[in-house]
Amino acid sequence: MADWVVLARAGVVAPGPEPIAIRAGTWVFAGFFFLNAVGNVTSQSRVERYVMTLVVLFLGVNFIMVALSAAR
């Protein structure tokens, strides 16, 4: 689902009947990834703290970049 939202926002695939949902969807996924990062930071697992936190922060920043970009 997240991949389709990004591709639709970038204009690679058709956005479907409600393109406003694509714009909102990118912000929802960005928020989800940042909340996930908070959970990973507080985890007792070293892998989650050091690896997965960086992964979801990277994804969150990328979703914000896509959300702020001009739609095609």
PDB file of N, CA and C in Angstrom:
ATOM      1  N   MET A   1       0.812  -1.192   0.000  1.00  0.00           N
ATOM      2  CA  MET A   1       0.000   0.000   0.000  1.00  0.00           C
ATOM      3  C   MET A   1       0.861   1.265   0.000  1.00  0.00           C
ATOM      4  N   ALA A   2       1.864   1.290   0.845  1.00  0.00           N
ATOM      5  CA  ALA A   2       2.726   2.482   0.926  1.00  0.00           C
ATOM      6  C   ALA A   2       3.451   2.715  -0.391  1.00  0.00           C
ATOM      7  N   ASP A   3       3.871   1.651  -1.041  1.00  0.00           N
ATOM      8  CA  ASP A   3       4.575   1.817  -2.312  1.00  0.00           C
ATOM      9  C   ASP A   3       3.652   2.412  -3.375  1.00  0.00           C
ATOM     10  N   TRP A   4       2.384   1.993  -3.395  1.00  0.00           N
ATOM     11  CA  TRP A   4       1.450   2.543  -4.365  1.00  0.00           C
ATOM     12  C   TRP A   4       1.201   4.027  -4.096  1.00  0.00           C
ATOM     13  N   VAL A   5       1.107   4.412  -2.830  1.00  0.00           N
ATOM     14  CA  VAL A   5       0.877   5.815  -2.478  1.00  0.00           C
ATOM     15  C   VAL A   5       2.030   6.681  -2.980  1.00  0.00           C
ATOM     16  N   VAL A   6       3.257   6.216  -2.775  1.00  0.00           N
ATOM     17  CA  VAL A   6       4.421   6.992  -3.227  1.00  0.00           C
ATOM     18  C   VAL A   6       4.464   7.060  -4.750  1.00  0.00           C
ATOM     19  N   LEU A   7       4.240   5.938  -5.403  1.00  0.00           N
ATOM     20  CA  LEU A   7       4.276   5.931  -6.866  1.00  0.00           C
ATOM     21  C   LEU A   7       3.154   6.788  -7.458  1.00  0.00           C
ATOM     22  N   ALA A   8       1.984   6.759  -6.853  1.00  0.00           N
ATOM     23  CA  ALA A   8       0.876   7.594  -7.342  1.00  0.00           C
ATOM     24  C   ALA A   8       1.178   9.067  -7.120  1.00  0.00           C
ATOM     25  N   ARG A   9       1.760   9.383  -5.984  1.00  0.00           N
ATOM     26  CA  ARG A   9       2.113  10.789  -5.694  1.00  0.00           C
ATOM     27  C   ARG A   9       3.177  11.285  -6.654  1.00  0.00           C
ATOM     28  N   ALA A  10       4.090  10.403  -7.039  1.00  0.00           N
ATOM     29  CA  ALA A  10       5.148  10.780  -7.974  1.00  0.00           C
ATOM     30  C   ALA A  10       4.668  10.796  -9.421  1.00  0.00           C
ATOM     31  N   GLY A  11       3.465  10.297  -9.674  1.00  0.00           N
ATOM     32  CA  GLY A  11       2.926  10.304 -11.027  1.00  0.00           C
ATOM     33  C   GLY A  11       3.334   9.114 -11.853  1.00  0.00           C
ATOM     34  N   VAL A  12       3.859   8.074 -11.231  1.00  0.00           N
ATOM     35  CA  VAL A  12       4.287   6.886 -11.966  1.00  0.00           C
ATOM     36  C   VAL A  12       3.097   5.981 -12.264  1.00  0.00           C
ATOM     37  N   VAL A  13       2.163   5.867 -11.324  1.00  0.00           N
ATOM     38  CA  VAL A  13       0.946   5.074 -11.530  1.00  0.00           C
ATOM     39  C   VAL A  13      -0.259   5.990 -11.381  1.00  0.00           C
ATOM     40  N   ALA A  14      -1.404   5.531 -11.863  1.00  0.00           N
ATOM     41  CA  ALA A  14      -2.635   6.328 -11.768  1.00  0.00           C
ATOM     42  C   ALA A  14      -3.065   6.448 -10.309  1.00  0.00           C
ATOM     43  N   PRO A  15      -3.469   7.656  -9.884  1.00  0.00           N
ATOM     44  CA  PRO A  15      -3.824   7.843  -8.476  1.00  0.00           C
ATOM     45  C   PRO A  15      -5.154   7.234  -8.073  1.00  0.00           C
ATOM     46  N   GLY A  16      -5.989   6.887  -9.010  1.00  0.00           N
ATOM     47  CA  GLY A  16      -7.289   6.330  -8.660  1.00  0.00           C
ATOM     48  C   GLY A  16      -8.355   7.406  -8.632  1.00  0.00           C
ATOM     49  N   PRO A  17      -9.551   7.063  -8.135  1.00  0.00           N
ATOM     50  CA  PRO A  17     -10.672   8.000  -8.202  1.00  0.00           C
ATOM     51  C   PRO A  17     -10.558   9.190  -7.250  1.00  0.00           C
ATOM     52  N   GLU A  18      -9.805   9.081  -6.158  1.00  0.00           N
ATOM     53  CA  GLU A  18      -9.697  10.178  -5.203  1.00  0.00           C
ATOM     54  C   GLU A  18      -8.228  10.547  -4.972  1.00  0.00           C
ATOM     55  N   PRO A  19      -7.692  11.464  -5.798  1.00  0.00           N
ATOM     56  CA  PRO A  19      -6.271  11.808  -5.644  1.00  0.00           C
ATOM     57  C   PRO A  19      -5.951  12.516  -4.330  1.00  0.00           C
ATOM     58  N   ILE A  20      -6.941  13.095  -3.656  1.00  0.00           N
ATOM     59  CA  ILE A  20      -6.679  13.744  -2.371  1.00  0.00           C
ATOM     60  C   ILE A  20      -6.249  12.714  -1.331  1.00  0.00           C
ATOM     61  N   ALA A  21      -6.710  11.489  -1.477  1.00  0.00           N
ATOM     62  CA  ALA A  21      -6.317  10.419  -0.549  1.00  0.00           C
ATOM     63  C   ALA A  21      -4.830  10.099  -0.689  1.00  0.00           C
ATOM     64  N   ILE A  22      -4.270  10.303  -1.856  1.00  0.00           N
ATOM     65  CA  ILE A  22      -2.844  10.057  -2.069  1.00  0.00           C
ATOM     66  C   ILE A  22      -2.030  11.071  -1.280  1.00  0.00           C
ATOM     67  N   ARG A  23      -2.411  12.338  -1.323  1.00  0.00           N
ATOM     68  CA  ARG A  23      -1.686  13.375  -0.576  1.00  0.00           C
ATOM     69  C   ARG A  23      -1.779  13.098   0.921  1.00  0.00           C
ATOM     70  N   ALA A  24      -2.960  12.800   1.400  1.00  0.00           N
ATOM     71  CA  ALA A  24      -3.139  12.504   2.823  1.00  0.00           C
ATOM     72  C   ALA A  24      -2.414  11.218   3.198  1.00  0.00           C
ATOM     73  N   GLY A  25      -2.421  10.261   2.302  1.00  0.00           N
ATOM     74  CA  GLY A  25      -1.765   8.982   2.576  1.00  0.00           C
ATOM     75  C   GLY A  25      -0.269   9.112   2.786  1.00  0.00           C
ATOM     76  N   THR A  26       0.371  10.005   2.046  1.00  0.00           N
ATOM     77  CA  THR A  26       1.813  10.181   2.243  1.00  0.00           C
ATOM     78  C   THR A  26       2.103  10.745   3.627  1.00  0.00           C
ATOM     79  N   TRP A  27       1.258  11.661   4.111  1.00  0.00           N
ATOM     80  CA  TRP A  27       1.447  12.202   5.460  1.00  0.00           C
ATOM     81  C   TRP A  27       1.147  11.155   6.529  1.00  0.00           C
ATOM     82  N   VAL A  28       0.139  10.327   6.289  1.00  0.00           N
ATOM     83  CA  VAL A  28      -0.196   9.271   7.255  1.00  0.00           C
ATOM     84  C   VAL A  28       0.951   8.289   7.380  1.00  0.00           C
ATOM     85  N   PHE A  29       1.504   7.870   6.266  1.00  0.00           N
ATOM     86  CA  PHE A  29       2.625   6.929   6.313  1.00  0.00           C
ATOM     87  C   PHE A  29       3.867   7.563   6.941  1.00  0.00           C
ATOM     88  N   ALA A  30       4.108   8.830   6.656  1.00  0.00           N
ATOM     89  CA  ALA A  30       5.250   9.513   7.280  1.00  0.00           C
ATOM     90  C   ALA A  30       5.085   9.532   8.799  1.00  0.00           C
ATOM     91  N   GLY A  31       3.902   9.880   9.262  1.00  0.00           N
ATOM     92  CA  GLY A  31       3.639   9.877  10.697  1.00  0.00           C
ATOM     93  C   GLY A  31       3.785   8.498  11.302  1.00  0.00           C
ATOM     94  N   PHE A  32       3.313   7.488  10.585  1.00  0.00           N
ATOM     95  CA  PHE A  32       3.434   6.113  11.060  1.00  0.00           C
ATOM     96  C   PHE A  32       4.897   5.727  11.237  1.00  0.00           C
ATOM     97  N   PHE A  33       5.738   6.088  10.268  1.00  0.00           N
ATOM     98  CA  PHE A  33       7.149   5.726  10.364  1.00  0.00           C
ATOM     99  C   PHE A  33       7.839   6.459  11.517  1.00  0.00           C
ATOM    100  N   PHE A  34       7.487   7.708  11.754  1.00  0.00           N
ATOM    101  CA  PHE A  34       8.100   8.431  12.871  1.00  0.00           C
ATOM    102  C   PHE A  34       7.632   7.884  14.216  1.00  0.00           C
ATOM    103  N   LEU A  35       6.370   7.494  14.322  1.00  0.00           N
ATOM    104  CA  LEU A  35       5.911   6.848  15.550  1.00  0.00           C
ATOM    105  C   LEU A  35       6.597   5.500  15.752  1.00  0.00           C
ATOM    106  N   ASN A  36       6.814   4.800  14.667  1.00  0.00           N
ATOM    107  CA  ASN A  36       7.522   3.531  14.732  1.00  0.00           C
ATOM    108  C   ASN A  36       8.959   3.742  15.204  1.00  0.00           C
ATOM    109  N   ALA A  37       9.570   4.832  14.795  1.00  0.00           N
ATOM    110  CA  ALA A  37      10.935   5.139  15.232  1.00  0.00           C
ATOM    111  C   ALA A  37      10.989   5.349  16.739  1.00  0.00           C
ATOM    112  N   VAL A  38       9.970   5.995  17.297  1.00  0.00           N
ATOM    113  CA  VAL A  38       9.919   6.194  18.746  1.00  0.00           C
ATOM    114  C   VAL A  38       9.860   4.845  19.456  1.00  0.00           C
ATOM    115  N   GLY A  39       9.047   3.952  18.936  1.00  0.00           N
ATOM    116  CA  GLY A  39       8.968   2.612  19.516  1.00  0.00           C
ATOM    117  C   GLY A  39      10.275   1.857  19.409  1.00  0.00           C
ATOM    118  N   ASN A  40      10.966   2.017  18.290  1.00  0.00           N
ATOM    119  CA  ASN A  40      12.244   1.331  18.111  1.00  0.00           C
ATOM    120  C   ASN A  40      13.310   1.875  19.048  1.00  0.00           C
ATOM    121  N   VAL A  41      13.323   3.171  19.284  1.00  0.00           N
ATOM    122  CA  VAL A  41      14.312   3.776  20.176  1.00  0.00           C
ATOM    123  C   VAL A  41      14.134   3.261  21.602  1.00  0.00           C
ATOM    124  N   THR A  42      12.905   3.047  22.005  1.00  0.00           N
ATOM    125  CA  THR A  42      12.649   2.596  23.371  1.00  0.00           C
ATOM    126  C   THR A  42      12.727   1.088  23.536  1.00  0.00           C
ATOM    127  N   SER A  43      12.990   0.362  22.477  1.00  0.00           N
ATOM    128  CA  SER A  43      13.065  -1.095  22.532  1.00  0.00           C
ATOM    129  C   SER A  43      14.312  -1.559  23.285  1.00  0.00           C
ATOM    130  N   GLN A  44      14.231  -2.744  23.843  1.00  0.00           N
ATOM    131  CA  GLN A  44      15.388  -3.332  24.506  1.00  0.00           C
ATOM    132  C   GLN A  44      16.304  -4.053  23.527  1.00  0.00           C
ATOM    133  N   SER A  45      15.806  -4.311  22.331  1.00  0.00           N
ATOM    134  CA  SER A  45      16.598  -5.001  21.315  1.00  0.00           C
ATOM    135  C   SER A  45      17.597  -4.031  20.683  1.00  0.00           C
ATOM    136  N   ARG A  46      18.848  -4.446  20.629  1.00  0.00           N
ATOM    137  CA  ARG A  46      19.884  -3.596  20.027  1.00  0.00           C
ATOM    138  C   ARG A  46      19.650  -3.410  18.533  1.00  0.00           C
ATOM    139  N   VAL A  47      19.180  -4.463  17.872  1.00  0.00           N
ATOM    140  CA  VAL A  47      18.932  -4.375  16.427  1.00  0.00           C
ATOM    141  C   VAL A  47      17.840  -3.346  16.148  1.00  0.00           C
ATOM    142  N   GLU A  48      16.780  -3.378  16.928  1.00  0.00           N
ATOM    143  CA  GLU A  48      15.716  -2.399  16.718  1.00  0.00           C
ATOM    144  C   GLU A  48      16.191  -0.981  17.019  1.00  0.00           C
ATOM    145  N   ARG A  49      16.954  -0.819  18.073  1.00  0.00           N
ATOM    146  CA  ARG A  49      17.414   0.526  18.441  1.00  0.00           C
ATOM    147  C   ARG A  49      18.359   1.107  17.406  1.00  0.00           C
ATOM    148  N   TYR A  50      19.316   0.319  16.943  1.00  0.00           N
ATOM    149  CA  TYR A  50      20.371   0.880  16.098  1.00  0.00           C
ATOM    150  C   TYR A  50      20.141   0.707  14.605  1.00  0.00           C
ATOM    151  N   VAL A  51      19.447  -0.335  14.208  1.00  0.00           N
ATOM    152  CA  VAL A  51      19.252  -0.573  12.773  1.00  0.00           C
ATOM    153  C   VAL A  51      17.867  -0.110  12.323  1.00  0.00           C
ATOM    154  N   MET A  52      16.842  -0.644  12.967  1.00  0.00           N
ATOM    155  CA  MET A  52      15.490  -0.355  12.506  1.00  0.00           C
ATOM    156  C   MET A  52      15.081   1.092  12.745  1.00  0.00           C
ATOM    157  N   THR A  53      15.629   1.723  13.776  1.00  0.00           N
ATOM    158  CA  THR A  53      15.340   3.142  13.986  1.00  0.00           C
ATOM    159  C   THR A  53      15.829   3.957  12.802  1.00  0.00           C
ATOM    160  N   LEU A  54      17.027   3.668  12.329  1.00  0.00           N
ATOM    161  CA  LEU A  54      17.554   4.393  11.168  1.00  0.00           C
ATOM    162  C   LEU A  54      16.745   4.112   9.909  1.00  0.00           C
ATOM    163  N   VAL A  55      16.303   2.866   9.761  1.00  0.00           N
ATOM    164  CA  VAL A  55      15.524   2.499   8.575  1.00  0.00           C
ATOM    165  C   VAL A  55      14.203   3.270   8.541  1.00  0.00           C
ATOM    166  N   VAL A  56      13.471   3.274   9.659  1.00  0.00           N
ATOM    167  CA  VAL A  56      12.168   3.944   9.639  1.00  0.00           C
ATOM    168  C   VAL A  56      12.313   5.465   9.612  1.00  0.00           C
ATOM    169  N   LEU A  57      13.370   6.006  10.184  1.00  0.00           N
ATOM    170  CA  LEU A  57      13.609   7.447  10.048  1.00  0.00           C
ATOM    171  C   LEU A  57      13.882   7.811   8.597  1.00  0.00           C
ATOM    172  N   PHE A  58      14.664   6.994   7.920  1.00  0.00           N
ATOM    173  CA  PHE A  58      14.936   7.200   6.491  1.00  0.00           C
ATOM    174  C   PHE A  58      13.623   7.166   5.694  1.00  0.00           C
ATOM    175  N   LEU A  59      12.780   6.179   5.975  1.00  0.00           N
ATOM    176  CA  LEU A  59      11.503   6.081   5.279  1.00  0.00           C
ATOM    177  C   LEU A  59      10.607   7.279   5.593  1.00  0.00           C
ATOM    178  N   GLY A  60      10.574   7.699   6.847  1.00  0.00           N
ATOM    179  CA  GLY A  60       9.757   8.843   7.227  1.00  0.00           C
ATOM    180  C   GLY A  60      10.190  10.116   6.521  1.00  0.00           C
ATOM    181  N   VAL A  61      11.493  10.345   6.462  1.00  0.00           N
ATOM    182  CA  VAL A  61      12.010  11.536   5.770  1.00  0.00           C
ATOM    183  C   VAL A  61      11.684  11.465   4.279  1.00  0.00           C
ATOM    184  N   ASN A  62      11.812  10.292   3.690  1.00  0.00           N
ATOM    185  CA  ASN A  62      11.489  10.153   2.271  1.00  0.00           C
ATOM    186  C   ASN A  62      10.009  10.399   2.007  1.00  0.00           C
ATOM    187  N   PHE A  63       9.140   9.926   2.889  1.00  0.00           N
ATOM    188  CA  PHE A  63       7.712  10.173   2.703  1.00  0.00           C
ATOM    189  C   PHE A  63       7.390  11.655   2.847  1.00  0.00           C
ATOM    190  N   ILE A  64       8.062  12.345   3.755  1.00  0.00           N
ATOM    191  CA  ILE A  64       7.836  13.789   3.865  1.00  0.00           C
ATOM    192  C   ILE A  64       8.316  14.514   2.615  1.00  0.00           C
ATOM    193  N   MET A  65       9.438  14.098   2.067  1.00  0.00           N
ATOM    194  CA  MET A  65       9.929  14.702   0.830  1.00  0.00           C
ATOM    195  C   MET A  65       8.932  14.503  -0.302  1.00  0.00           C
ATOM    196  N   VAL A  66       8.365  13.317  -0.387  1.00  0.00           N
ATOM    197  CA  VAL A  66       7.361  13.048  -1.427  1.00  0.00           C
ATOM    198  C   VAL A  66       6.096  13.860  -1.165  1.00  0.00           C
ATOM    199  N   ALA A  67       5.670  13.948   0.092  1.00  0.00           N
ATOM    200  CA  ALA A  67       4.461  14.695   0.423  1.00  0.00           C
ATOM    201  C   ALA A  67       4.604  16.181   0.109  1.00  0.00           C
ATOM    202  N   LEU A  68       5.804  16.726   0.297  1.00  0.00           N
ATOM    203  CA  LEU A  68       6.027  18.145   0.037  1.00  0.00           C
ATOM    204  C   LEU A  68       6.313  18.446  -1.433  1.00  0.00           C
ATOM    205  N   SER A  69       6.612  17.439  -2.215  1.00  0.00           N
ATOM    206  CA  SER A  69       6.916  17.660  -3.621  1.00  0.00           C
ATOM    207  C   SER A  69       5.654  18.025  -4.392  1.00  0.00           C
ATOM    208  N   ALA A  70       5.851  18.682  -5.509  1.00  0.00           N
ATOM    209  CA  ALA A  70       4.721  19.042  -6.362  1.00  0.00           C
ATOM    210  C   ALA A  70       4.212  17.818  -7.085  1.00  0.00           C
ATOM    211  N   ALA A  71       2.913  17.627  -7.056  1.00  0.00           N
ATOM    212  CA  ALA A  71       2.314  16.478  -7.739  1.00  0.00           C
ATOM    213  C   ALA A  71       2.409  16.666  -9.240  1.00  0.00           C
ATOM    214  N   ARG A  72       2.601  15.576  -9.934  1.00  0.00           N
ATOM    215  CA  ARG A  72       2.688  15.636 -11.403  1.00  0.00           C
ATOM    216  C   ARG A  72       1.324  15.542 -12.016  1.00  0.00           C
TER     217      ARG A  72
END
